[in-house]
Amino acid sequence: MCAKIMVVDDEPDTVDLVALVLTNEGHEIIPAYNGKTALDKLKGEEKPDLILLDIMMPDIDGWGVYQAIRKNDDTKHIPVIMLTSKSQSIDKMIGLHVVGVDGYITKPFGRKELLNGVKKHLKGANENN
């Protein structure tokens, strides 16, 4: 299944790497290099099927972006996977169980881990729609 996936990260190399892996699988990528750009793009016509979201960004961090996504009726249904270098298990537990993100992928991650996470959450999104 080909999907539209927004990749939000302030590290251009990370966005490029994720885009390369996912476009090779037939997905369309919507890049955003900071939280403000991501939220601006989400206000537009195109809505992604999935958002990969970095936590640590300069202007609006990933948690702020996530909260804005969930408060908006047009975007609250979109699955969000956090991409982060915060590998502590407490961070992951907070993200998944307290904040309620859909998934959590720790940097550095491999191609297979990325693809498995994306596939799992796209499948779940399709079953819920």
Protein backbone atom coordinates (compact mmCIF):
# COMPACT_ATOMS: atom_id res chain seq x y z
CA MET A 1 0.00 0.00 0.00
CA CYS A 2 1.36 3.39 -0.98
CA ALA A 3 0.74 6.18 1.48
CA LYS A 4 1.41 9.86 1.98
CA ILE A 5 3.79 10.21 4.93
CA MET A 6 4.89 13.45 6.58
CA VAL A 7 8.43 13.34 7.97
CA VAL A 8 9.11 16.08 10.54
CA ASP A 9 12.71 16.46 11.73
CA ASP A 10 15.08 19.41 12.06
CA GLU A 11 17.94 17.24 10.77
CA PRO A 12 17.80 17.31 6.94
CA ASP A 13 19.91 14.12 6.75
CA THR A 14 17.30 12.23 8.78
CA VAL A 15 14.46 13.50 6.58
CA ASP A 16 16.44 12.56 3.45
CA LEU A 17 17.26 9.08 4.75
CA VAL A 18 13.68 8.34 5.81
CA ALA A 19 12.41 9.74 2.49
CA LEU A 20 14.81 7.53 0.53
CA VAL A 21 13.72 4.37 2.35
CA LEU A 22 10.01 5.16 2.11
CA THR A 23 9.96 6.39 -1.50
CA ASN A 24 11.72 3.17 -2.50
CA GLU A 25 8.68 1.41 -1.04
CA GLY A 26 6.35 3.57 -3.16
CA HIS A 27 5.29 6.07 -0.51
CA GLU A 28 4.94 9.81 -1.10
CA ILE A 29 6.86 12.00 1.35
CA ILE A 30 5.85 15.39 2.71
CA PRO A 31 9.03 16.81 4.30
CA ALA A 32 8.94 19.34 7.14
CA TYR A 33 12.13 20.58 8.77
CA ASN A 34 10.54 22.05 11.89
CA GLY A 35 7.33 21.97 13.88
CA LYS A 36 5.91 25.22 12.53
CA THR A 37 6.35 24.10 8.92
CA ALA A 38 4.68 20.78 9.73
CA LEU A 39 1.65 22.48 11.27
CA ASP A 40 1.44 24.93 8.34
CA LYS A 41 1.50 22.05 5.84
CA LEU A 42 -1.17 20.18 7.81
CA LYS A 43 -3.48 23.20 7.39
CA GLY A 44 -3.27 22.74 3.61
CA GLU A 45 -5.32 20.53 1.32
CA GLU A 46 -3.13 17.43 1.51
CA LYS A 47 -3.36 15.31 4.60
CA PRO A 48 -0.81 12.57 5.25
CA ASP A 49 -1.80 9.02 6.13
CA LEU A 50 0.94 8.92 8.78
CA ILE A 51 3.27 11.38 10.51
CA LEU A 52 6.83 10.55 11.60
CA LEU A 53 7.68 13.22 14.17
CA ASP A 54 10.96 14.10 15.87
CA ILE A 55 10.66 15.16 19.51
CA MET A 56 13.64 17.48 19.95
CA MET A 57 13.25 20.42 17.54
CA PRO A 58 14.05 24.10 18.04
CA ASP A 59 10.87 26.13 17.42
CA ILE A 60 8.01 23.87 18.46
CA ASP A 61 9.09 20.52 19.84
CA GLY A 62 7.45 17.27 18.81
CA TRP A 63 5.19 17.18 21.86
CA GLY A 64 3.82 20.63 20.96
CA VAL A 65 3.24 19.56 17.37
CA TYR A 66 1.59 16.34 18.55
CA GLN A 67 -0.79 18.23 20.84
CA ALA A 68 -1.75 20.61 18.01
CA ILE A 69 -2.39 17.64 15.69
CA ARG A 70 -4.66 15.96 18.25
CA LYS A 71 -6.63 19.18 18.96
CA ASN A 72 -7.48 19.69 15.27
CA ASP A 73 -10.52 17.79 13.97
CA ASP A 74 -8.93 17.55 10.50
CA THR A 75 -5.76 15.85 11.76
CA LYS A 76 -6.57 14.13 15.05
CA HIS A 77 -7.16 10.77 13.32
CA ILE A 78 -3.69 10.68 11.68
CA PRO A 79 -1.36 8.13 13.34
CA VAL A 80 1.84 9.66 14.75
CA ILE A 81 5.08 7.78 15.29
CA MET A 82 7.69 9.64 17.31
CA LEU A 83 11.23 9.47 15.90
CA THR A 84 13.68 10.31 18.62
CA SER A 85 17.11 9.86 20.07
CA LYS A 86 15.51 9.74 23.52
CA SER A 87 16.03 6.04 24.10
CA GLN A 88 15.32 5.86 27.81
CA SER A 89 12.50 3.44 28.52
CA ILE A 90 10.74 6.05 30.68
CA ASP A 91 10.58 8.42 27.66
CA LYS A 92 9.09 5.66 25.55
CA MET A 93 6.59 4.75 28.26
CA ILE A 94 5.51 8.38 28.63
CA GLY A 95 5.14 8.73 24.87
CA LEU A 96 3.11 5.58 24.40
CA HIS A 97 1.04 5.38 27.57
CA VAL A 98 0.78 8.88 29.04
CA VAL A 99 0.73 11.07 25.94
CA GLY A 100 -0.79 8.39 23.70
CA VAL A 101 1.34 8.51 20.56
CA ASP A 102 0.78 5.64 18.17
CA GLY A 103 4.38 4.48 17.99
CA TYR A 104 7.94 5.23 18.98
CA ILE A 105 11.09 4.59 16.92
CA THR A 106 14.45 5.31 18.53
CA LYS A 107 17.32 6.82 16.55
CA PRO A 108 19.48 5.41 15.17
CA PHE A 109 17.05 2.99 13.57
CA GLY A 110 17.43 0.50 10.78
CA ARG A 111 15.54 0.28 7.51
CA LYS A 112 13.60 -2.79 8.63
CA GLU A 113 12.55 -1.20 11.94
CA LEU A 114 11.34 1.91 10.11
CA LEU A 115 9.41 -0.06 7.48
CA ASN A 116 7.85 -2.37 10.09
CA GLY A 117 6.69 0.60 12.18
CA VAL A 118 5.25 2.40 9.17
CA LYS A 119 3.52 -0.73 7.85
CA LYS A 120 2.01 -1.54 11.24
CA HIS A 121 0.54 1.93 11.72
CA LEU A 122 -0.69 2.31 8.14
CA LYS A 123 -2.47 -1.04 8.45
CA GLY A 124 -4.06 0.08 11.71
CA ALA A 125 -5.13 3.41 10.23
CA ASN A 126 -6.80 1.66 7.30
CA GLU A 127 -8.65 -0.71 9.59
CA ASN A 128 -9.97 2.23 11.63
CA ASN A 129 -11.19 4.23 8.60
